[in-house]
């Protein structure tokens, strides 16, 4: 409960309404869960040796991460997964599209 009071005090000092803060964090968490869902689906297809589908999902997750300003670590990681999947699918030409 003390943590909740501290958050309220900090928000009050910054003149931020609690509803706006909760809304922002809710949107951010839904973006993270969408990103994680794309990566998990890519992992499923990769494990089923459906490398083209997995690489497309990883690329989509990477573009999603860029558009929603997620961390650079996540962006690099997911594009590396896409590159690995394209190599596994023997579609080397598609790697250059990612590297652009």
N, C-alpha and C. Protein backbone atom coordinates (compact mmCIF):
# COMPACT_ATOMS: atom_id res chain seq x y z
N UNK A 1 0.82 -1.20 0.00
CA UNK A 1 0.00 0.00 0.00
C UNK A 1 0.86 1.26 0.00
N UNK A 2 2.02 1.17 0.65
CA UNK A 2 2.91 2.33 0.71
C UNK A 2 3.42 2.69 -0.69
N UNK A 3 3.68 1.67 -1.49
CA UNK A 3 4.15 1.91 -2.85
C UNK A 3 3.09 2.64 -3.68
N UNK A 4 1.84 2.23 -3.50
CA UNK A 4 0.73 2.87 -4.20
C UNK A 4 0.65 4.35 -3.81
N UNK A 5 0.80 4.65 -2.52
CA UNK A 5 0.76 6.04 -2.04
C UNK A 5 1.92 6.84 -2.61
N UNK A 6 3.09 6.21 -2.70
CA UNK A 6 4.25 6.89 -3.27
C UNK A 6 4.03 7.21 -4.74
N UNK A 7 3.47 6.27 -5.49
CA UNK A 7 3.17 6.52 -6.91
C UNK A 7 2.19 7.67 -7.05
N UNK A 8 1.14 7.67 -6.24
CA UNK A 8 0.16 8.76 -6.29
C UNK A 8 0.81 10.10 -5.99
N UNK A 9 1.69 10.14 -4.99
CA UNK A 9 2.37 11.39 -4.63
C UNK A 9 3.24 11.87 -5.78
N UNK A 10 4.01 10.96 -6.38
CA UNK A 10 4.86 11.35 -7.51
C UNK A 10 4.04 11.84 -8.69
N UNK A 11 2.94 11.17 -8.97
CA UNK A 11 2.07 11.61 -10.06
C UNK A 11 1.47 12.98 -9.76
N UNK A 12 1.09 13.20 -8.53
CA UNK A 12 0.50 14.49 -8.14
C UNK A 12 1.53 15.60 -8.30
N UNK A 13 2.77 15.35 -7.88
CA UNK A 13 3.82 16.35 -8.00
C UNK A 13 4.13 16.67 -9.46
N UNK A 14 3.96 15.70 -10.32
CA UNK A 14 4.22 15.92 -11.75
C UNK A 14 2.98 16.39 -12.49
N UNK A 15 1.89 16.54 -11.75
CA UNK A 15 0.62 17.01 -12.31
C UNK A 15 0.10 16.06 -13.39
N UNK A 16 0.21 14.78 -13.12
CA UNK A 16 -0.27 13.76 -14.04
C UNK A 16 -1.45 13.06 -13.38
N UNK A 17 -2.53 12.95 -14.09
CA UNK A 17 -3.68 12.25 -13.54
C UNK A 17 -3.44 10.75 -13.53
N UNK A 18 -3.88 10.12 -12.48
CA UNK A 18 -3.70 8.68 -12.33
C UNK A 18 -4.31 7.92 -13.51
N UNK A 19 -5.47 8.37 -13.97
CA UNK A 19 -6.13 7.67 -15.08
C UNK A 19 -5.27 7.69 -16.33
N UNK A 20 -4.64 8.84 -16.60
CA UNK A 20 -3.78 8.94 -17.79
C UNK A 20 -2.55 8.04 -17.65
N UNK A 21 -2.00 8.00 -16.46
CA UNK A 21 -0.83 7.17 -16.22
C UNK A 21 -1.17 5.69 -16.40
N UNK A 22 -2.28 5.28 -15.82
CA UNK A 22 -2.69 3.89 -15.94
C UNK A 22 -3.02 3.54 -17.39
N UNK A 23 -3.64 4.46 -18.11
CA UNK A 23 -3.96 4.23 -19.51
C UNK A 23 -2.68 4.06 -20.32
N UNK A 24 -1.72 4.94 -20.09
CA UNK A 24 -0.45 4.86 -20.82
C UNK A 24 0.23 3.52 -20.55
N UNK A 25 0.32 3.14 -19.29
CA UNK A 25 0.98 1.88 -18.95
C UNK A 25 0.20 0.69 -19.49
N UNK A 26 -1.11 0.77 -19.52
CA UNK A 26 -1.91 -0.31 -20.09
C UNK A 26 -1.64 -0.47 -21.57
N UNK A 27 -1.54 0.64 -22.29
CA UNK A 27 -1.23 0.59 -23.72
C UNK A 27 0.15 0.01 -23.93
N UNK A 28 1.12 0.46 -23.12
CA UNK A 28 2.48 -0.03 -23.26
C UNK A 28 2.54 -1.53 -23.01
N UNK A 29 1.84 -2.00 -21.99
CA UNK A 29 1.85 -3.43 -21.68
C UNK A 29 1.19 -4.24 -22.80
N UNK A 30 0.15 -3.69 -23.42
CA UNK A 30 -0.48 -4.42 -24.52
C UNK A 30 0.45 -4.48 -25.73
N UNK A 31 1.27 -3.44 -25.93
CA UNK A 31 2.24 -3.47 -27.01
C UNK A 31 3.29 -4.55 -26.76
N UNK A 32 3.75 -4.64 -25.52
CA UNK A 32 4.73 -5.66 -25.17
C UNK A 32 4.14 -7.06 -25.36
N UNK A 33 2.89 -7.24 -24.96
CA UNK A 33 2.29 -8.57 -25.11
C UNK A 33 2.08 -8.91 -26.58
N UNK A 34 1.74 -7.93 -27.42
CA UNK A 34 1.60 -8.18 -28.86
C UNK A 34 2.95 -8.58 -29.45
N UNK A 35 4.00 -7.86 -29.07
CA UNK A 35 5.35 -8.17 -29.53
C UNK A 35 5.73 -9.59 -29.11
N UNK A 36 5.52 -9.91 -27.83
CA UNK A 36 5.86 -11.24 -27.33
C UNK A 36 5.06 -12.33 -28.04
N UNK A 37 3.81 -12.04 -28.36
CA UNK A 37 2.98 -13.01 -29.07
C UNK A 37 3.53 -13.30 -30.46
N UNK A 38 3.95 -12.26 -31.16
CA UNK A 38 4.53 -12.45 -32.50
C UNK A 38 5.80 -13.29 -32.42
N UNK A 39 6.64 -13.01 -31.44
CA UNK A 39 7.90 -13.75 -31.28
C UNK A 39 7.60 -15.20 -30.91
N UNK A 40 6.66 -15.44 -30.01
CA UNK A 40 6.32 -16.81 -29.62
C UNK A 40 5.75 -17.60 -30.80
N UNK A 41 4.91 -16.95 -31.60
CA UNK A 41 4.39 -17.63 -32.79
C UNK A 41 5.52 -17.96 -33.76
N UNK A 42 6.46 -17.03 -33.90
CA UNK A 42 7.63 -17.30 -34.74
C UNK A 42 8.43 -18.48 -34.22
N UNK A 43 8.58 -18.56 -32.91
CA UNK A 43 9.29 -19.69 -32.31
C UNK A 43 8.58 -21.01 -32.58
N UNK A 44 7.25 -20.99 -32.50
CA UNK A 44 6.47 -22.21 -32.78
C UNK A 44 6.72 -22.71 -34.20
N UNK A 45 6.64 -21.78 -35.16
CA UNK A 45 6.86 -22.19 -36.55
C UNK A 45 8.30 -22.63 -36.78
N UNK A 46 9.24 -21.97 -36.12
CA UNK A 46 10.64 -22.36 -36.28
C UNK A 46 10.85 -23.78 -35.76
N UNK A 47 10.26 -24.08 -34.61
CA UNK A 47 10.40 -25.43 -34.04
C UNK A 47 9.71 -26.49 -34.89
N UNK A 48 8.71 -26.08 -35.68
CA UNK A 48 8.05 -27.01 -36.60
C UNK A 48 8.76 -27.06 -37.95
N UNK A 49 9.90 -26.40 -38.04
CA UNK A 49 10.72 -26.30 -39.24
C UNK A 49 9.99 -25.62 -40.39
N UNK A 50 9.11 -24.69 -40.06
CA UNK A 50 8.45 -23.86 -41.06
C UNK A 50 9.13 -22.49 -41.01
N UNK A 51 10.32 -22.46 -41.59
CA UNK A 51 11.22 -21.32 -41.41
C UNK A 51 10.74 -20.05 -42.09
N UNK A 52 10.09 -20.15 -43.23
CA UNK A 52 9.60 -18.95 -43.91
C UNK A 52 8.54 -18.24 -43.07
N UNK A 53 7.61 -19.02 -42.53
CA UNK A 53 6.56 -18.42 -41.69
C UNK A 53 7.17 -17.79 -40.45
N UNK A 54 8.13 -18.48 -39.86
CA UNK A 54 8.74 -17.94 -38.64
C UNK A 54 9.50 -16.66 -38.94
N UNK A 55 10.22 -16.62 -40.04
CA UNK A 55 10.99 -15.41 -40.34
C UNK A 55 10.07 -14.23 -40.64
N UNK A 56 8.94 -14.48 -41.30
CA UNK A 56 7.99 -13.39 -41.55
C UNK A 56 7.42 -12.85 -40.24
N UNK A 57 7.13 -13.75 -39.31
CA UNK A 57 6.63 -13.30 -38.01
C UNK A 57 7.68 -12.53 -37.24
N UNK A 58 8.93 -12.97 -37.30
CA UNK A 58 10.00 -12.24 -36.63
C UNK A 58 10.18 -10.86 -37.25
N UNK A 59 10.11 -10.78 -38.57
CA UNK A 59 10.21 -9.48 -39.23
C UNK A 59 9.06 -8.57 -38.83
N UNK A 60 7.86 -9.13 -38.77
CA UNK A 60 6.70 -8.35 -38.36
C UNK A 60 6.89 -7.84 -36.92
N UNK A 61 7.42 -8.69 -36.05
CA UNK A 61 7.69 -8.29 -34.66
C UNK A 61 8.74 -7.19 -34.62
N UNK A 62 9.74 -7.28 -35.48
CA UNK A 62 10.76 -6.24 -35.54
C UNK A 62 10.20 -4.91 -35.99
N UNK A 63 9.36 -4.92 -37.03
CA UNK A 63 8.73 -3.69 -37.49
C UNK A 63 7.79 -3.13 -36.42
N UNK A 64 7.09 -4.01 -35.75
CA UNK A 64 6.21 -3.59 -34.66
C UNK A 64 7.02 -2.92 -33.55
N UNK A 65 8.17 -3.50 -33.22
CA UNK A 65 9.04 -2.94 -32.18
C UNK A 65 9.57 -1.57 -32.59
N UNK A 66 9.93 -1.42 -33.86
CA UNK A 66 10.41 -0.12 -34.34
C UNK A 66 9.29 0.92 -34.29
N UNK A 67 8.12 0.56 -34.78
CA UNK A 67 6.99 1.51 -34.82
C UNK A 67 6.52 1.92 -33.44
N UNK A 68 6.70 1.05 -32.45
CA UNK A 68 6.24 1.36 -31.09
C UNK A 68 7.38 1.73 -30.16
N UNK A 69 8.54 2.01 -30.73
CA UNK A 69 9.70 2.49 -29.98
C UNK A 69 10.08 1.59 -28.82
N UNK A 70 10.11 0.28 -29.07
CA UNK A 70 10.58 -0.64 -28.04
C UNK A 70 12.10 -0.59 -28.01
N UNK A 71 12.70 -1.25 -27.07
CA UNK A 71 14.15 -1.15 -26.86
C UNK A 71 14.93 -1.67 -28.08
N UNK A 72 16.10 -1.08 -28.26
CA UNK A 72 16.95 -1.48 -29.38
C UNK A 72 17.40 -2.93 -29.23
N UNK A 73 17.55 -3.39 -27.99
CA UNK A 73 17.92 -4.79 -27.75
C UNK A 73 16.88 -5.73 -28.33
N UNK A 74 15.60 -5.44 -28.08
CA UNK A 74 14.53 -6.30 -28.59
C UNK A 74 14.51 -6.27 -30.12
N UNK A 75 14.72 -5.10 -30.69
CA UNK A 75 14.71 -4.96 -32.14
C UNK A 75 15.84 -5.79 -32.76
N UNK A 76 17.04 -5.66 -32.21
CA UNK A 76 18.18 -6.42 -32.73
C UNK A 76 17.95 -7.92 -32.57
N UNK A 77 17.45 -8.31 -31.41
CA UNK A 77 17.24 -9.73 -31.13
C UNK A 77 16.25 -10.35 -32.12
N UNK A 78 15.14 -9.67 -32.37
CA UNK A 78 14.11 -10.25 -33.22
C UNK A 78 14.54 -10.26 -34.69
N UNK A 79 15.28 -9.25 -35.12
CA UNK A 79 15.78 -9.29 -36.49
C UNK A 79 16.87 -10.35 -36.66
N UNK A 80 17.64 -10.60 -35.61
CA UNK A 80 18.61 -11.69 -35.67
C UNK A 80 17.89 -13.03 -35.83
N UNK A 81 16.77 -13.19 -35.10
CA UNK A 81 15.97 -14.41 -35.25
C UNK A 81 15.44 -14.53 -36.68
N UNK A 82 15.02 -13.42 -37.27
CA UNK A 82 14.52 -13.45 -38.65
C UNK A 82 15.64 -13.86 -39.61
N UNK A 83 16.83 -13.32 -39.42
CA UNK A 83 17.96 -13.67 -40.28
C UNK A 83 18.28 -15.15 -40.16
N UNK A 84 18.30 -15.64 -38.93
CA UNK A 84 18.58 -17.06 -38.71
C UNK A 84 17.53 -17.94 -39.39
N UNK A 85 16.28 -17.51 -39.32
CA UNK A 85 15.21 -18.29 -39.95
C UNK A 85 15.34 -18.30 -41.46
N UNK A 86 15.67 -17.13 -42.04
CA UNK A 86 15.85 -17.09 -43.50
C UNK A 86 17.01 -17.98 -43.93
N UNK A 87 18.08 -18.01 -43.13
CA UNK A 87 19.20 -18.90 -43.45
C UNK A 87 18.74 -20.36 -43.39
N UNK A 88 17.95 -20.69 -42.37
CA UNK A 88 17.45 -22.06 -42.25
C UNK A 88 16.54 -22.43 -43.41
N UNK A 89 15.83 -21.43 -43.95
CA UNK A 89 14.94 -21.68 -45.08
C UNK A 89 15.68 -21.63 -46.42
N UNK A 90 16.99 -21.37 -46.37
CA UNK A 90 17.83 -21.26 -47.58
C UNK A 90 17.35 -20.14 -48.49
N UNK A 91 16.87 -19.06 -47.90
CA UNK A 91 16.42 -17.89 -48.66
C UNK A 91 17.32 -16.71 -48.28
N UNK A 92 18.56 -16.79 -48.69
CA UNK A 92 19.57 -15.81 -48.31
C UNK A 92 19.26 -14.42 -48.84
N UNK A 93 18.59 -14.32 -49.98
CA UNK A 93 18.28 -13.01 -50.56
C UNK A 93 17.43 -12.16 -49.62
N UNK A 94 16.57 -12.80 -48.85
CA UNK A 94 15.69 -12.06 -47.96
C UNK A 94 16.44 -11.41 -46.79
N UNK A 95 17.62 -11.91 -46.50
CA UNK A 95 18.41 -11.33 -45.41
C UNK A 95 18.82 -9.89 -45.75
N UNK A 96 19.12 -9.64 -47.00
CA UNK A 96 19.58 -8.31 -47.40
C UNK A 96 18.47 -7.27 -47.25
N UNK A 97 17.23 -7.71 -47.36
CA UNK A 97 16.10 -6.80 -47.15
C UNK A 97 16.08 -6.34 -45.69
N UNK A 98 16.41 -7.24 -44.78
CA UNK A 98 16.43 -6.90 -43.36
C UNK A 98 17.60 -5.97 -43.05
N UNK A 99 18.72 -6.23 -43.68
CA UNK A 99 19.92 -5.45 -43.37
C UNK A 99 19.88 -4.02 -43.90
N UNK A 100 18.93 -3.72 -44.80
CA UNK A 100 18.85 -2.36 -45.34
C UNK A 100 18.49 -1.38 -44.31
